[in-house]
Amino acid sequence: MIHSAKDLSPDQRQAIESLLGRPILDGEQVSVQTVPASPEWLTDIQRNSREKGTDKLSMEQIDEEIASARRARPSRSGK
């Protein structure tokens, strides 16, 4: 559901501004959505990547890592 910021109660407005870290304008619209938490295995992968510093790789570096791994893999017969 979407609400106009001007229609929010002072408590709602304060809570939203606190979460956003900025004031909201009366002309803005506000919508709140929940999303499921990441599965534990994905959280583990993300944490491991941050610890190794691989979370900062560029797309070009990622593509090169993939290409390198594919070159090192034995070729499939018939393909």
N, C-alpha and C. Protein backbone atom coordinates (compact mmCIF):
# COMPACT_ATOMS: atom_id res chain seq x y z
N MET A 1 0.84 -1.17 0.00
CA MET A 1 0.00 0.00 0.00
C MET A 1 0.89 1.24 0.00
N ILE A 2 0.51 2.24 -0.76
CA ILE A 2 1.28 3.48 -0.87
C ILE A 2 0.53 4.57 -0.12
N HIS A 3 1.29 5.34 0.67
CA HIS A 3 0.72 6.44 1.45
C HIS A 3 1.39 7.74 1.05
N SER A 4 0.62 8.80 1.05
CA SER A 4 1.18 10.12 0.84
C SER A 4 1.87 10.55 2.14
N ALA A 5 3.05 11.10 2.03
CA ALA A 5 3.80 11.51 3.22
C ALA A 5 3.01 12.51 4.06
N LYS A 6 2.22 13.38 3.42
CA LYS A 6 1.47 14.38 4.17
C LYS A 6 0.38 13.76 5.03
N ASP A 7 -0.01 12.52 4.75
CA ASP A 7 -1.07 11.85 5.51
C ASP A 7 -0.53 10.99 6.66
N LEU A 8 0.76 10.91 6.81
CA LEU A 8 1.35 10.09 7.87
C LEU A 8 1.20 10.76 9.23
N SER A 9 1.07 9.95 10.26
CA SER A 9 1.05 10.50 11.62
C SER A 9 2.47 10.97 11.96
N PRO A 10 2.62 11.85 12.93
CA PRO A 10 3.97 12.29 13.31
C PRO A 10 4.88 11.12 13.68
N ASP A 11 4.35 10.11 14.39
CA ASP A 11 5.16 8.95 14.76
C ASP A 11 5.59 8.16 13.53
N GLN A 12 4.69 7.96 12.58
CA GLN A 12 5.03 7.24 11.36
C GLN A 12 6.09 8.00 10.58
N ARG A 13 5.89 9.30 10.47
CA ARG A 13 6.83 10.15 9.74
C ARG A 13 8.22 10.07 10.38
N GLN A 14 8.28 10.15 11.70
CA GLN A 14 9.55 10.11 12.41
C GLN A 14 10.25 8.77 12.20
N ALA A 15 9.47 7.68 12.27
CA ALA A 15 10.06 6.35 12.08
C ALA A 15 10.63 6.20 10.67
N ILE A 16 9.89 6.66 9.67
CA ILE A 16 10.34 6.53 8.28
C ILE A 16 11.57 7.40 8.04
N GLU A 17 11.55 8.62 8.57
CA GLU A 17 12.70 9.51 8.39
C GLU A 17 13.94 8.95 9.09
N SER A 18 13.73 8.30 10.22
CA SER A 18 14.84 7.68 10.93
C SER A 18 15.44 6.55 10.09
N LEU A 19 14.60 5.73 9.48
CA LEU A 19 15.08 4.64 8.64
C LEU A 19 15.78 5.16 7.38
N LEU A 20 15.22 6.20 6.79
CA LEU A 20 15.80 6.75 5.57
C LEU A 20 17.06 7.58 5.83
N GLY A 21 17.12 8.15 7.03
CA GLY A 21 18.25 9.01 7.34
C GLY A 21 18.12 10.39 6.73
N ARG A 22 16.90 10.77 6.38
CA ARG A 22 16.65 12.10 5.81
C ARG A 22 15.18 12.45 6.01
N PRO A 23 14.87 13.74 5.96
CA PRO A 23 13.46 14.12 6.06
C PRO A 23 12.70 13.74 4.79
N ILE A 24 11.42 13.46 4.93
CA ILE A 24 10.60 13.21 3.75
C ILE A 24 9.76 14.45 3.48
N LEU A 25 9.47 14.68 2.24
CA LEU A 25 8.69 15.84 1.83
C LEU A 25 7.22 15.48 1.73
N ASP A 26 6.34 16.46 1.96
CA ASP A 26 4.91 16.19 1.90
C ASP A 26 4.47 15.67 0.54
N GLY A 27 5.16 16.02 -0.52
CA GLY A 27 4.80 15.57 -1.86
C GLY A 27 5.26 14.15 -2.17
N GLU A 28 6.05 13.55 -1.29
CA GLU A 28 6.54 12.19 -1.53
C GLU A 28 5.49 11.15 -1.14
N GLN A 29 5.63 9.98 -1.74
CA GLN A 29 4.80 8.85 -1.37
C GLN A 29 5.68 7.80 -0.70
N VAL A 30 5.09 7.08 0.23
CA VAL A 30 5.84 6.11 1.03
C VAL A 30 5.20 4.74 0.89
N SER A 31 6.05 3.75 0.65
CA SER A 31 5.60 2.37 0.61
C SER A 31 6.60 1.54 1.40
N VAL A 32 6.12 0.62 2.19
CA VAL A 32 6.99 -0.25 2.97
C VAL A 32 6.80 -1.67 2.47
N GLN A 33 7.90 -2.36 2.26
CA GLN A 33 7.85 -3.72 1.74
C GLN A 33 8.82 -4.58 2.54
N THR A 34 8.40 -5.77 2.86
CA THR A 34 9.30 -6.72 3.51
C THR A 34 9.80 -7.70 2.46
N VAL A 35 11.01 -8.18 2.67
CA VAL A 35 11.58 -9.18 1.78
C VAL A 35 12.14 -10.30 2.65
N PRO A 36 12.12 -11.52 2.15
CA PRO A 36 12.64 -12.62 2.96
C PRO A 36 14.14 -12.45 3.20
N ALA A 37 14.57 -12.93 4.33
CA ALA A 37 16.00 -12.89 4.65
C ALA A 37 16.76 -13.83 3.72
N SER A 38 18.02 -13.51 3.48
CA SER A 38 18.85 -14.39 2.65
C SER A 38 19.02 -15.73 3.35
N PRO A 39 19.04 -16.82 2.59
CA PRO A 39 19.31 -18.12 3.20
C PRO A 39 20.70 -18.12 3.84
N GLU A 40 20.88 -18.94 4.84
CA GLU A 40 22.14 -18.98 5.58
C GLU A 40 23.34 -19.26 4.66
N TRP A 41 23.16 -20.16 3.68
CA TRP A 41 24.27 -20.49 2.79
C TRP A 41 24.71 -19.28 1.99
N LEU A 42 23.76 -18.42 1.60
CA LEU A 42 24.12 -17.23 0.83
C LEU A 42 24.82 -16.20 1.72
N THR A 43 24.34 -16.05 2.94
CA THR A 43 24.98 -15.16 3.91
C THR A 43 26.41 -15.61 4.16
N ASP A 44 26.64 -16.92 4.26
CA ASP A 44 27.98 -17.46 4.47
C ASP A 44 28.90 -17.14 3.29
N ILE A 45 28.38 -17.28 2.07
CA ILE A 45 29.16 -16.97 0.88
C ILE A 45 29.53 -15.48 0.85
N GLN A 46 28.57 -14.63 1.18
CA GLN A 46 28.83 -13.19 1.18
C GLN A 46 29.88 -12.81 2.23
N ARG A 47 29.78 -13.38 3.41
CA ARG A 47 30.73 -13.10 4.48
C ARG A 47 32.13 -13.57 4.06
N ASN A 48 32.20 -14.78 3.49
CA ASN A 48 33.48 -15.33 3.05
C ASN A 48 34.11 -14.43 1.97
N SER A 49 33.30 -13.93 1.08
CA SER A 49 33.78 -13.05 0.02
C SER A 49 34.34 -11.75 0.60
N ARG A 50 33.65 -11.18 1.58
CA ARG A 50 34.15 -9.96 2.23
C ARG A 50 35.47 -10.23 2.94
N GLU A 51 35.57 -11.37 3.61
CA GLU A 51 36.80 -11.71 4.34
C GLU A 51 37.99 -11.87 3.39
N LYS A 52 37.75 -12.44 2.21
CA LYS A 52 38.81 -12.64 1.23
C LYS A 52 39.06 -11.39 0.38
N GLY A 53 38.15 -10.43 0.43
CA GLY A 53 38.28 -9.23 -0.39
C GLY A 53 37.77 -9.40 -1.80
N THR A 54 37.19 -10.56 -2.10
CA THR A 54 36.70 -10.80 -3.46
C THR A 54 35.38 -10.09 -3.74
N ASP A 55 34.79 -9.47 -2.72
CA ASP A 55 33.56 -8.71 -2.93
C ASP A 55 33.84 -7.40 -3.68
N LYS A 56 35.11 -7.07 -3.86
CA LYS A 56 35.48 -5.82 -4.52
C LYS A 56 35.95 -6.04 -5.96
N LEU A 57 35.86 -7.27 -6.46
CA LEU A 57 36.29 -7.54 -7.83
C LEU A 57 35.38 -6.84 -8.84
N SER A 58 35.98 -6.35 -9.92
CA SER A 58 35.18 -5.75 -11.01
C SER A 58 34.57 -6.88 -11.84
N MET A 59 33.61 -6.54 -12.69
CA MET A 59 33.01 -7.55 -13.57
C MET A 59 34.06 -8.13 -14.52
N GLU A 60 35.01 -7.31 -14.95
CA GLU A 60 36.07 -7.80 -15.83
C GLU A 60 36.93 -8.84 -15.11
N GLN A 61 37.24 -8.58 -13.84
CA GLN A 61 38.04 -9.53 -13.06
C GLN A 61 37.26 -10.82 -12.83
N ILE A 62 35.98 -10.72 -12.57
CA ILE A 62 35.14 -11.90 -12.38
C ILE A 62 35.10 -12.72 -13.67
N ASP A 63 34.88 -12.03 -14.81
CA ASP A 63 34.84 -12.71 -16.10
C ASP A 63 36.16 -13.43 -16.38
N GLU A 64 37.28 -12.80 -16.05
CA GLU A 64 38.59 -13.42 -16.27
C GLU A 64 38.77 -14.65 -15.39
N GLU A 65 38.32 -14.59 -14.13
CA GLU A 65 38.40 -15.75 -13.24
C GLU A 65 37.59 -16.92 -13.80
N ILE A 66 36.42 -16.63 -14.30
CA ILE A 66 35.57 -17.68 -14.88
C ILE A 66 36.25 -18.28 -16.11
N ALA A 67 36.76 -17.41 -16.98
CA ALA A 67 37.43 -17.89 -18.19
C ALA A 67 38.65 -18.73 -17.84
N SER A 68 39.41 -18.32 -16.84
CA SER A 68 40.59 -19.07 -16.41
C SER A 68 40.20 -20.45 -15.88
N ALA A 69 39.14 -20.50 -15.08
CA ALA A 69 38.69 -21.78 -14.54
C ALA A 69 38.21 -22.70 -15.67
N ARG A 70 37.55 -22.12 -16.67
CA ARG A 70 37.08 -22.94 -17.79
C ARG A 70 38.25 -23.46 -18.62
N ARG A 71 39.28 -22.64 -18.80
CA ARG A 71 40.46 -23.10 -19.56
C ARG A 71 41.18 -24.22 -18.83
N ALA A 72 41.19 -24.19 -17.51
CA ALA A 72 41.88 -25.19 -16.71
C ALA A 72 41.11 -26.52 -16.62
N ARG A 73 39.86 -26.48 -16.93
CA ARG A 73 39.00 -27.67 -16.84
C ARG A 73 39.22 -28.55 -18.08
N PRO A 74 39.25 -29.86 -17.87
CA PRO A 74 39.39 -30.75 -19.04
C PRO A 74 38.22 -30.54 -19.99
N SER A 75 38.51 -30.63 -21.29
CA SER A 75 37.46 -30.42 -22.27
C SER A 75 36.52 -31.62 -22.26
N ARG A 76 35.27 -31.32 -22.56
CA ARG A 76 34.25 -32.38 -22.66
C ARG A 76 34.32 -33.00 -24.05
N SER A 77 34.28 -34.31 -24.11
CA SER A 77 34.33 -34.95 -25.43
C SER A 77 33.01 -34.77 -26.16
N GLY A 78 33.11 -34.50 -27.43
CA GLY A 78 31.92 -34.32 -28.25
C GLY A 78 31.35 -32.92 -28.22
N LYS A 79 32.02 -32.00 -27.56
CA LYS A 79 31.50 -30.62 -27.52
C LYS A 79 32.57 -29.64 -27.88
